[in-house]
Amino acid sequence: MRSITGFSRRFPALIAGLLFATATVWAVTAVSNTGPVFGLAVSPDDSQLVADAGAGVREIRNGAASLVAVLPGVSDVAPIGRGDMFAITGGGPGPTPRQLFRISNGNTRLIADLGAYEAAVNPDGGAIDSNPFDVAAVNGGTAIVADAAGNSLLIVDQRGNVDWIATLPNELVSTANIKQLFNCPAGPPNFCNLPAQIPAQGVATSVAIGPDGAYYVGELKGFPAPTGSSRVWRIEPGTRHAVCGTSSACSVVFSGFTSIVDLSFSPNYTLYVTEIDEASWFTVEALPAKQVGGTVNACSLGLGTCSTVATQLPVPIATAFDKRGQGYVLLNAVTPGAATISPLP
């Protein structure tokens, strides 16, 4: 997506608090973030890792947060081994934007310049823009990166060579949600006079590796921020240069979501899908008073069905699971100093 500035550049202050679907308030762990937070992961020793864009990678161990790697602008982290991880920086301002790093025992090493790859190759053929938003580690030394602004899924090997796996397509979507958010027909003409449908970009915000080795990619529909139009794509293992929507290597496995920002698999390979807000990402960026809360869903690959795990969440951005199968959700993602991690029910 070319204009999703809020995922890397600016955020309003948002409500705190936690309300699950069961109306139960759960214990939370403070992240001590200095900027917006994006990624959440669990290390091999079951400590939690958080991508704090204001400072770097934070580790939460026994309820206490510490900074394990200085990397302002970090947007996600993926453990490789104990003390060893990939980290990416997004498309916002900072000294190291749009890059992939490997962090080993606190030492940070540049692996690949993803922004330079977008400028040189531009897989989706649109305006040149890059905002790496999610990273997954495979085979110990290979990184899979969802580039939100590039609408693409990238693969980076141990030598830093970058290639593209697939791009997500544009799609005609309804403008009803954005008109409702602006109280049309009384709202601004530039929104209220939009046609009933316009094309929206398929923004690749998340990637998870399935039990079948396939790449599962979460899609956030760009402007006009429609509800119920985000999908989860499955991309065949080993795929290169697939244009989803026309390639047989891509298929939609789940649909009907709003503004997907994260995918993760539990140890039993249930796929967890995080929606940042049921009124769309636009409320998080520009209209916090219109927010209704985000949702975490559990989806069965075998059954092809999804169920709600938790809803009315304050800006959920990611989930992760420890070896026991306990899930965690990262909340209050855009408010410096307010981010928390809570166990999923």
Foldseek 3Di string as FASTA:
>chain_A
DAPPCLLQADFDQFDFAFQWPVRDGFDWAFQLAQFFWFEWEAAQVGWIWIQRLQFGIWTADPRDIDHLEGDHQWQYWEYLHVQWIKIAGFQYDDDQHQFIWIGHRHDIDTQERRLVVQVVCLLVPDPRDWTFHEWYDDPSFKIWTFTQNSQFIWIAGNNNDIFTQEHEAKDKDALVLLCVLQVPPVGDCVSNVDPGIDIWGFGFQEWEQAPQRWIKTWTATHPVQDAQAIFIKTAAPPGGSYYPPPDPRIDTLGTGGGQWRYWYAFPVGWIKTKHQFRSHPCCRHPNSVPGQWIWIWTADSVVSDIDTQTTSFAGWNYKYAHPVRWMWIWHSRGHNRRIIIGITD
